Amino acid sequence: KQWYQRRVRAGVSCVQQENGELFWDPTAEEEEESTAKYTFVYENGAKNAIFTHCTGESSIEQFMLALQKSRQVACEVFGFYRESFEKLLRKDVRFQMMLPPVIKGEILEDPEP
């Protein structure tokens, strides 16, 4: 695998309104009314963002607040990924238990000629 395929990533975006309030996963209307737009990308297990993008007017303090809160949001996204994957695995295990041995990949003894 290539280096970029080894980890799970989550991207989170938010906009900042004129009053400083942050909206996560903004609608198109919220984006148009915003003074700044932020995008942060995290790798699972990494504490720091691996990518950031900001457009519009923003102070360092506002950016740092958005960055700090984006970590929390990314942790929630990774939790959602984990729960979804665990549910998928549980369904897959139940399905695999119902399959006949040949389909499961088990080796059966050759019938006598």
C-alpha atoms as a PDB file:
ATOM      1  CA  LYS A   1       0.000   0.000   0.000  1.00  0.00           C
ATOM      2  CA  GLN A   2       1.041   3.553  -0.556  1.00  0.00           C
ATOM      3  CA  TRP A   3       1.729   5.770   2.461  1.00  0.00           C
ATOM      4  CA  TYR A   4      -1.548   7.622   1.949  1.00  0.00           C
ATOM      5  CA  GLN A   5      -3.603   4.409   2.135  1.00  0.00           C
ATOM      6  CA  ARG A   6      -2.370   3.205   5.520  1.00  0.00           C
ATOM      7  CA  ARG A   7      -4.582   5.259   7.824  1.00  0.00           C
ATOM      8  CA  VAL A   8      -8.190   6.289   8.136  1.00  0.00           C
ATOM      9  CA  ARG A   9      -8.778  10.014   7.761  1.00  0.00           C
ATOM     10  CA  ALA A  10     -11.585  12.364   8.713  1.00  0.00           C
ATOM     11  CA  GLY A  11     -12.196  15.814   7.328  1.00  0.00           C
ATOM     12  CA  VAL A  12     -14.222  18.345   9.257  1.00  0.00           C
ATOM     13  CA  SER A  13     -15.332  21.762   8.130  1.00  0.00           C
ATOM     14  CA  CYS A  14     -16.832  24.728   9.868  1.00  0.00           C
ATOM     15  CA  VAL A  15     -17.673  28.341   9.235  1.00  0.00           C
ATOM     16  CA  GLN A  16     -17.392  31.309  11.505  1.00  0.00           C
ATOM     17  CA  GLN A  17     -20.175  33.839  11.633  1.00  0.00           C
ATOM     18  CA  GLU A  18     -19.627  37.547  12.169  1.00  0.00           C
ATOM     19  CA  ASN A  19     -20.381  37.171  15.891  1.00  0.00           C
ATOM     20  CA  GLY A  20     -17.603  34.528  16.200  1.00  0.00           C
ATOM     21  CA  GLU A  21     -19.943  31.542  16.490  1.00  0.00           C
ATOM     22  CA  LEU A  22     -18.769  28.336  14.750  1.00  0.00           C
ATOM     23  CA  PHE A  23     -21.088  26.095  12.723  1.00  0.00           C
ATOM     24  CA  TRP A  24     -19.907  22.566  11.945  1.00  0.00           C
ATOM     25  CA  ASP A  25     -20.879  20.863   8.676  1.00  0.00           C
ATOM     26  CA  PRO A  26     -22.363  24.135   7.414  1.00  0.00           C
ATOM     27  CA  THR A  27     -25.179  24.534   4.948  1.00  0.00           C
ATOM     28  CA  ALA A  28     -24.680  26.567   1.779  1.00  0.00           C
ATOM     29  CA  GLU A  29     -26.562  29.465   3.367  1.00  0.00           C
ATOM     30  CA  GLU A  30     -24.325  29.392   6.469  1.00  0.00           C
ATOM     31  CA  GLU A  31     -21.259  29.360   4.220  1.00  0.00           C
ATOM     32  CA  GLU A  32     -22.447  32.457   2.357  1.00  0.00           C
ATOM     33  CA  GLU A  33     -23.114  34.341   5.595  1.00  0.00           C
ATOM     34  CA  SER A  34     -19.761  33.390   7.133  1.00  0.00           C
ATOM     35  CA  THR A  35     -16.686  35.543   7.599  1.00  0.00           C
ATOM     36  CA  ALA A  36     -14.279  32.573   7.545  1.00  0.00           C
ATOM     37  CA  LYS A  37     -14.337  28.932   6.401  1.00  0.00           C
ATOM     38  CA  TYR A  38     -12.110  26.238   7.890  1.00  0.00           C
ATOM     39  CA  THR A  39     -11.297  22.698   6.803  1.00  0.00           C
ATOM     40  CA  PHE A  40      -9.227  20.323   8.939  1.00  0.00           C
ATOM     41  CA  VAL A  41      -8.137  16.764   8.136  1.00  0.00           C
ATOM     42  CA  TYR A  42      -7.009  14.300  10.811  1.00  0.00           C
ATOM     43  CA  GLU A  43      -5.595  10.784  10.716  1.00  0.00           C
ATOM     44  CA  ASN A  44      -6.955   8.277  13.186  1.00  0.00           C
ATOM     45  CA  GLY A  45      -4.639   8.248  16.168  1.00  0.00           C
ATOM     46  CA  ALA A  46      -2.978  11.557  15.285  1.00  0.00           C
ATOM     47  CA  LYS A  47      -3.444  14.455  17.674  1.00  0.00           C
ATOM     48  CA  ASN A  48      -2.560  17.145  15.152  1.00  0.00           C
ATOM     49  CA  ALA A  49      -4.279  18.042  11.915  1.00  0.00           C
ATOM     50  CA  ILE A  50      -2.447  16.790   8.826  1.00  0.00           C
ATOM     51  CA  PHE A  51      -4.105  19.414   6.630  1.00  0.00           C
ATOM     52  CA  THR A  52      -5.723  22.774   7.300  1.00  0.00           C
ATOM     53  CA  HIS A  53      -7.316  25.295   4.983  1.00  0.00           C
ATOM     54  CA  CYS A  54      -8.793  28.646   5.897  1.00  0.00           C
ATOM     55  CA  THR A  55     -10.434  31.276   3.727  1.00  0.00           C
ATOM     56  CA  GLY A  56     -11.828  34.619   4.799  1.00  0.00           C
ATOM     57  CA  GLU A  57     -10.914  36.895   7.671  1.00  0.00           C
ATOM     58  CA  SER A  58      -9.857  35.226  10.889  1.00  0.00           C
ATOM     59  CA  SER A  59      -7.678  36.082  13.862  1.00  0.00           C
ATOM     60  CA  ILE A  60      -5.120  33.643  15.232  1.00  0.00           C
ATOM     61  CA  GLU A  61      -7.302  33.183  18.335  1.00  0.00           C
ATOM     62  CA  GLN A  62     -10.358  32.340  16.231  1.00  0.00           C
ATOM     63  CA  PHE A  63      -8.342  29.909  14.112  1.00  0.00           C
ATOM     64  CA  MET A  64      -6.914  28.197  17.218  1.00  0.00           C
ATOM     65  CA  LEU A  65     -10.408  27.859  18.713  1.00  0.00           C
ATOM     66  CA  ALA A  66     -11.676  26.263  15.489  1.00  0.00           C
ATOM     67  CA  LEU A  67      -8.632  23.967  15.417  1.00  0.00           C
ATOM     68  CA  GLN A  68      -9.164  22.887  19.030  1.00  0.00           C
ATOM     69  CA  LYS A  69     -12.861  22.173  18.528  1.00  0.00           C
ATOM     70  CA  SER A  70     -12.173  20.403  15.218  1.00  0.00           C
ATOM     71  CA  ARG A  71     -10.130  17.792  17.125  1.00  0.00           C
ATOM     72  CA  GLN A  72     -13.186  17.017  19.232  1.00  0.00           C
ATOM     73  CA  VAL A  73     -15.403  16.783  16.153  1.00  0.00           C
ATOM     74  CA  ALA A  74     -12.873  14.517  14.392  1.00  0.00           C
ATOM     75  CA  CYS A  75     -12.845  12.212  17.443  1.00  0.00           C
ATOM     76  CA  GLU A  76     -16.636  11.934  17.139  1.00  0.00           C
ATOM     77  CA  VAL A  77     -16.290  11.122  13.418  1.00  0.00           C
ATOM     78  CA  PHE A  78     -13.733   8.401  14.177  1.00  0.00           C
ATOM     79  CA  GLY A  79     -16.082   7.024  16.843  1.00  0.00           C
ATOM     80  CA  PHE A  80     -18.852   6.879  14.231  1.00  0.00           C
ATOM     81  CA  TYR A  81     -16.486   5.086  11.817  1.00  0.00           C
ATOM     82  CA  ARG A  82     -15.568   2.585  14.542  1.00  0.00           C
ATOM     83  CA  GLU A  83     -19.184   1.858  15.492  1.00  0.00           C
ATOM     84  CA  SER A  84     -20.226   1.458  11.853  1.00  0.00           C
ATOM     85  CA  PHE A  85     -17.334  -0.886  11.112  1.00  0.00           C
ATOM     86  CA  GLU A  86     -18.027  -2.960  14.227  1.00  0.00           C
ATOM     87  CA  LYS A  87     -21.683  -3.336  13.203  1.00  0.00           C
ATOM     88  CA  LEU A  88     -20.598  -4.391   9.730  1.00  0.00           C
ATOM     89  CA  LEU A  89     -18.204  -6.975  11.168  1.00  0.00           C
ATOM     90  CA  ARG A  90     -20.866  -8.368  13.501  1.00  0.00           C
ATOM     91  CA  LYS A  91     -23.242  -8.801  10.550  1.00  0.00           C
ATOM     92  CA  ASP A  92     -20.460 -10.354   8.472  1.00  0.00           C
ATOM     93  CA  VAL A  93     -19.572 -12.834  11.233  1.00  0.00           C
ATOM     94  CA  ARG A  94     -23.222 -13.877  11.598  1.00  0.00           C
ATOM     95  CA  PHE A  95     -23.480 -14.264   7.824  1.00  0.00           C
ATOM     96  CA  GLN A  96     -20.257 -16.306   7.676  1.00  0.00           C
ATOM     97  CA  MET A  97     -21.587 -18.659  10.374  1.00  0.00           C
ATOM     98  CA  MET A  98     -24.600 -19.465   8.169  1.00  0.00           C
ATOM     99  CA  LEU A  99     -22.570 -20.375   5.075  1.00  0.00           C
ATOM    100  CA  PRO A 100     -21.729 -23.985   4.200  1.00  0.00           C
ATOM    101  CA  PRO A 101     -18.059 -24.953   4.834  1.00  0.00           C
ATOM    102  CA  VAL A 102     -17.068 -24.822   1.133  1.00  0.00           C
ATOM    103  CA  ILE A 103     -18.106 -21.178   0.782  1.00  0.00           C
ATOM    104  CA  LYS A 104     -16.410 -20.235   4.064  1.00  0.00           C
ATOM    105  CA  GLY A 105     -13.097 -21.270   2.575  1.00  0.00           C
ATOM    106  CA  GLU A 106     -12.551 -24.308   4.753  1.00  0.00           C
ATOM    107  CA  ILE A 107     -10.727 -27.215   3.189  1.00  0.00           C
ATOM    108  CA  LEU A 108     -12.831 -30.329   2.918  1.00  0.00           C
ATOM    109  CA  GLU A 109     -11.407 -33.774   2.461  1.00  0.00           C
ATOM    110  CA  ASP A 110     -11.489 -35.025  -1.125  1.00  0.00           C
ATOM    111  CA  PRO A 111     -14.224 -37.584  -1.669  1.00  0.00           C
ATOM    112  CA  GLU A 112     -12.937 -41.035  -2.364  1.00  0.00           C
ATOM    113  CA  PRO A 113     -12.879 -41.889  -6.115  1.00  0.00           C
END
